[in-house]
Amino acid sequence: MKKISNTDSLNNIFTNIADPFVLFEEWIKEAKSGELNDPNAMVLATSNSDNTPNARVVLLKNYGPKGFTFYTNTNSAKGKELSQNKSVAACFHWKSLQRQIRIKGKVEILSDSDSEMYFKTRPRGSQIGAWASKQSAELESQSQLKSSFSDIESIYEDKDVPKPPYWMGYRIVPNEIEFWVNSEFRLHQRLVFNLENKEWNTKLLYP
């Protein structure tokens, strides 16, 4: 495994990179080659209309200048919270690289056609699971879930599995992205990008 120099990379970042998505692209590529755990895993923080916070790990499925995309059941706890409060935060932590990225912004729901396009690329078992699981609802036993899976599997035997109407994609449209690097003596390095008047401004933060 190639050792990544955080010091060298940050010296370059501070002077040459003005677009946070360019930097994100660099870091996630390095995470995919150097992180022992799932590099696409991010903690997604949401809250409801009462501002009660909630958090869980989801998988990033796409990213680019428009934002960061994930998919979920809109009837789940997170789906209901996203419909009540579109402000979210997300965090990637790559322990092997001693790096972290924090994102703040608002979510927008993807079109049904865009969500369906991605759904078709999922493994068949995952497609069936999206129908079988009433995500976040009370479950009597694991056997009940397996039975539901088998029932759905039988219904769509020798057929394409359609996307459930409640299974959709969301895009986090960021207004702040912070890059963090672990450093000796807890003198960690932080670079934050803030979106102001459609332009990204950068500044360093004390650790």
Protein backbone atom coordinates (compact mmCIF):
# COMPACT_ATOMS: atom_id res chain seq x y z
CA MET A 1 0.00 0.00 0.00
CA LYS A 2 1.40 3.39 -0.97
CA LYS A 3 1.88 5.65 2.02
CA ILE A 4 0.11 8.98 1.55
CA SER A 5 1.82 12.09 2.91
CA ASN A 6 -0.86 14.22 4.53
CA THR A 7 1.57 17.07 5.09
CA ASP A 8 2.62 17.26 1.46
CA SER A 9 -0.94 16.97 0.19
CA LEU A 10 -2.22 19.74 2.43
CA ASN A 11 0.57 22.11 1.50
CA ASN A 12 -0.56 21.68 -2.10
CA ILE A 13 -4.24 21.96 -1.21
CA PHE A 14 -3.93 25.27 0.60
CA THR A 15 -2.23 26.96 -2.32
CA ASN A 16 -3.62 25.32 -5.44
CA ILE A 17 -7.14 23.91 -4.99
CA ALA A 18 -10.14 26.25 -5.04
CA ASP A 19 -12.85 23.67 -5.81
CA PRO A 20 -13.87 21.31 -2.97
CA PHE A 21 -15.15 18.70 -5.44
CA VAL A 22 -11.70 18.44 -7.00
CA LEU A 23 -10.24 17.79 -3.57
CA PHE A 24 -13.02 15.33 -2.68
CA GLU A 25 -12.29 13.43 -5.89
CA GLU A 26 -8.61 13.15 -4.95
CA TRP A 27 -9.31 12.02 -1.41
CA ILE A 28 -11.98 9.44 -2.18
CA LYS A 29 -9.78 7.91 -4.88
CA GLU A 30 -7.02 7.56 -2.31
CA ALA A 31 -9.52 6.16 0.19
CA LYS A 32 -10.66 3.53 -2.31
CA SER A 33 -7.08 2.34 -2.67
CA GLY A 34 -5.91 2.82 0.91
CA GLU A 35 -8.85 2.58 3.31
CA LEU A 36 -9.33 -0.87 4.84
CA ASN A 37 -13.04 -0.37 5.43
CA ASP A 38 -15.78 0.83 3.08
CA PRO A 39 -14.54 4.17 1.69
CA ASN A 40 -18.05 5.11 0.49
CA ALA A 41 -19.59 4.90 3.96
CA MET A 42 -20.70 8.20 5.44
CA VAL A 43 -22.57 9.12 8.59
CA LEU A 44 -25.74 10.98 7.63
CA ALA A 45 -27.22 13.26 10.29
CA THR A 46 -30.84 14.36 9.99
CA SER A 47 -33.45 15.91 12.25
CA ASN A 48 -37.23 16.11 12.31
CA SER A 49 -39.57 19.07 12.61
CA ASP A 50 -38.86 19.16 16.37
CA ASN A 51 -35.12 19.37 15.66
CA THR A 52 -34.51 15.97 17.28
CA PRO A 53 -31.22 14.72 15.78
CA ASN A 54 -30.65 11.28 14.32
CA ALA A 55 -27.69 9.66 12.58
CA ARG A 56 -26.80 6.49 10.73
CA VAL A 57 -24.29 5.20 8.18
CA VAL A 58 -25.34 5.22 4.52
CA LEU A 59 -23.39 4.59 1.32
CA LEU A 60 -22.44 7.33 -1.09
CA LYS A 61 -23.44 6.22 -4.58
CA ASN A 62 -22.52 9.21 -6.70
CA TYR A 63 -20.87 12.60 -6.36
CA GLY A 64 -20.03 15.61 -8.48
CA PRO A 65 -20.45 19.38 -8.69
CA LYS A 66 -24.20 19.03 -8.06
CA GLY A 67 -23.68 17.20 -4.76
CA PHE A 68 -23.53 13.82 -3.03
CA THR A 69 -26.09 11.10 -3.78
CA PHE A 70 -27.49 8.26 -1.67
CA TYR A 71 -30.64 6.11 -1.87
CA THR A 72 -33.15 5.01 0.73
CA ASN A 73 -36.73 4.06 1.56
CA THR A 74 -38.74 7.28 1.81
CA ASN A 75 -40.99 5.61 4.41
CA SER A 76 -38.02 4.96 6.72
CA ALA A 77 -37.20 7.13 9.72
CA LYS A 78 -34.59 9.03 7.73
CA GLY A 79 -36.97 9.44 4.79
CA LYS A 80 -39.63 10.96 7.02
CA GLU A 81 -37.08 13.25 8.66
CA LEU A 82 -35.80 14.39 5.27
CA SER A 83 -39.34 15.35 4.28
CA GLN A 84 -39.68 17.43 7.47
CA ASN A 85 -36.26 19.08 7.52
CA LYS A 86 -34.06 19.22 4.44
CA SER A 87 -30.98 20.45 6.33
CA VAL A 88 -28.48 17.62 6.82
CA ALA A 89 -24.86 16.91 7.63
CA ALA A 90 -22.63 14.06 6.52
CA CYS A 91 -19.22 12.83 7.61
CA PHE A 92 -16.65 10.54 6.03
CA HIS A 93 -13.94 9.18 8.33
CA TRP A 94 -11.08 7.22 6.82
CA LYS A 95 -9.13 5.95 9.80
CA SER A 96 -6.44 4.28 7.72
CA LEU A 97 -5.67 7.60 6.04
CA GLN A 98 -6.22 9.71 9.18
CA ARG A 99 -8.58 11.96 7.24
CA GLN A 100 -12.13 13.20 7.61
CA ILE A 101 -14.56 15.17 5.45
CA ARG A 102 -17.61 16.94 6.85
CA ILE A 103 -20.46 18.18 4.67
CA LYS A 104 -23.37 20.49 5.46
CA GLY A 105 -26.22 21.32 3.12
CA LYS A 106 -29.77 20.60 2.07
CA VAL A 107 -31.19 17.55 0.33
CA GLU A 108 -33.20 17.41 -2.84
CA ILE A 109 -35.00 14.27 -3.99
CA LEU A 110 -34.01 12.80 -7.34
CA SER A 111 -36.49 12.17 -10.10
CA ASP A 112 -38.24 8.82 -10.25
CA SER A 113 -36.49 8.06 -13.54
CA ASP A 114 -33.04 8.79 -12.10
CA SER A 115 -33.80 6.62 -9.07
CA GLU A 116 -35.07 3.82 -11.30
CA MET A 117 -31.96 3.99 -13.45
CA TYR A 118 -29.77 3.30 -10.41
CA PHE A 119 -32.18 0.69 -9.00
CA LYS A 120 -31.72 -1.39 -12.14
CA THR A 121 -27.98 -1.64 -11.46
CA ARG A 122 -28.46 -3.12 -7.97
CA PRO A 123 -27.98 -6.85 -7.30
CA ARG A 124 -31.24 -8.75 -7.69
CA GLY A 125 -31.23 -9.71 -4.00
CA SER A 126 -31.00 -6.05 -3.01
CA GLN A 127 -33.87 -5.20 -5.35
CA ILE A 128 -36.04 -7.87 -3.72
CA GLY A 129 -34.95 -6.71 -0.28
CA ALA A 130 -36.19 -3.20 -1.03
CA TRP A 131 -39.69 -4.65 -1.42
CA ALA A 132 -39.44 -7.12 1.46
CA SER A 133 -38.31 -4.66 4.14
CA LYS A 134 -40.74 -2.18 5.67
CA GLN A 135 -37.77 -0.16 6.81
CA SER A 136 -37.97 1.23 10.37
CA ALA A 137 -41.33 -0.48 11.04
CA GLU A 138 -41.58 -2.96 13.92
CA LEU A 139 -40.53 -6.52 13.02
CA GLU A 140 -41.76 -9.57 14.92
CA SER A 141 -38.82 -11.79 14.00
CA GLN A 142 -36.05 -12.25 11.45
CA SER A 143 -37.96 -15.23 10.07
CA GLN A 144 -40.82 -12.89 9.18
CA LEU A 145 -38.45 -10.78 7.08
CA LYS A 146 -37.02 -13.87 5.38
CA SER A 147 -40.54 -15.08 4.63
CA SER A 148 -41.39 -11.72 3.09
CA PHE A 149 -38.23 -11.91 0.99
CA SER A 150 -39.19 -15.38 -0.26
CA ASP A 151 -42.70 -14.19 -1.13
CA ILE A 152 -41.39 -11.28 -3.19
CA GLU A 153 -38.83 -13.55 -4.82
CA SER A 154 -41.64 -15.87 -5.94
CA ILE A 155 -43.73 -13.00 -7.30
CA TYR A 156 -40.91 -11.79 -9.54
CA GLU A 157 -39.53 -15.18 -10.51
CA ASP A 158 -38.20 -14.92 -14.07
CA LYS A 159 -39.19 -11.24 -14.14
CA ASP A 160 -37.37 -7.95 -13.70
CA VAL A 161 -37.86 -6.50 -10.23
CA PRO A 162 -39.37 -3.00 -10.52
CA LYS A 163 -38.35 -0.14 -8.27
CA PRO A 164 -40.71 0.33 -5.31
CA PRO A 165 -42.46 3.72 -5.52
CA TYR A 166 -41.13 4.60 -2.05
CA TRP A 167 -37.47 3.85 -2.88
CA MET A 168 -35.77 7.03 -4.05
CA GLY A 169 -32.49 8.84 -4.36
CA TYR A 170 -31.46 11.99 -2.53
CA ARG A 171 -28.75 14.49 -3.32
CA ILE A 172 -27.01 16.54 -0.65
CA VAL A 173 -26.42 19.99 -2.14
CA PRO A 174 -23.58 21.32 0.02
CA ASN A 175 -23.00 24.82 1.28
CA GLU A 176 -20.01 23.84 3.43
CA ILE A 177 -17.35 21.15 3.05
CA GLU A 178 -14.52 20.73 5.56
CA PHE A 179 -11.38 18.65 5.07
CA TRP A 180 -9.53 17.44 8.17
CA VAL A 181 -6.17 15.72 8.56
CA ASN A 182 -4.75 14.20 11.71
CA SER A 183 -1.43 15.72 12.79
CA GLU A 184 1.11 15.17 15.53
CA PHE A 185 0.44 16.67 18.99
CA ARG A 186 -3.22 17.15 18.00
CA LEU A 187 -2.25 20.05 15.76
CA HIS A 188 -4.78 18.79 13.25
CA GLN A 189 -5.20 20.61 9.97
CA ARG A 190 -8.62 21.89 8.87
CA LEU A 191 -9.58 23.51 5.60
CA VAL A 192 -13.19 24.60 5.10
CA PHE A 193 -14.96 25.62 1.90
CA ASN A 194 -18.06 27.84 2.25
CA LEU A 195 -20.41 28.57 -0.63
CA GLU A 196 -21.19 32.28 -0.80
CA ASN A 197 -22.89 33.95 -3.79
CA LYS A 198 -22.32 30.77 -5.85
CA GLU A 199 -18.58 30.87 -5.21
CA TRP A 200 -16.49 28.74 -2.87
CA ASN A 201 -14.40 30.61 -0.31
CA THR A 202 -11.74 28.87 1.75
CA LYS A 203 -10.26 29.39 5.18
CA LEU A 204 -8.22 27.48 7.72
CA LEU A 205 -9.60 26.64 11.15
CA TYR A 206 -7.92 25.99 14.47
CA PRO A 207 -8.14 22.30 15.40
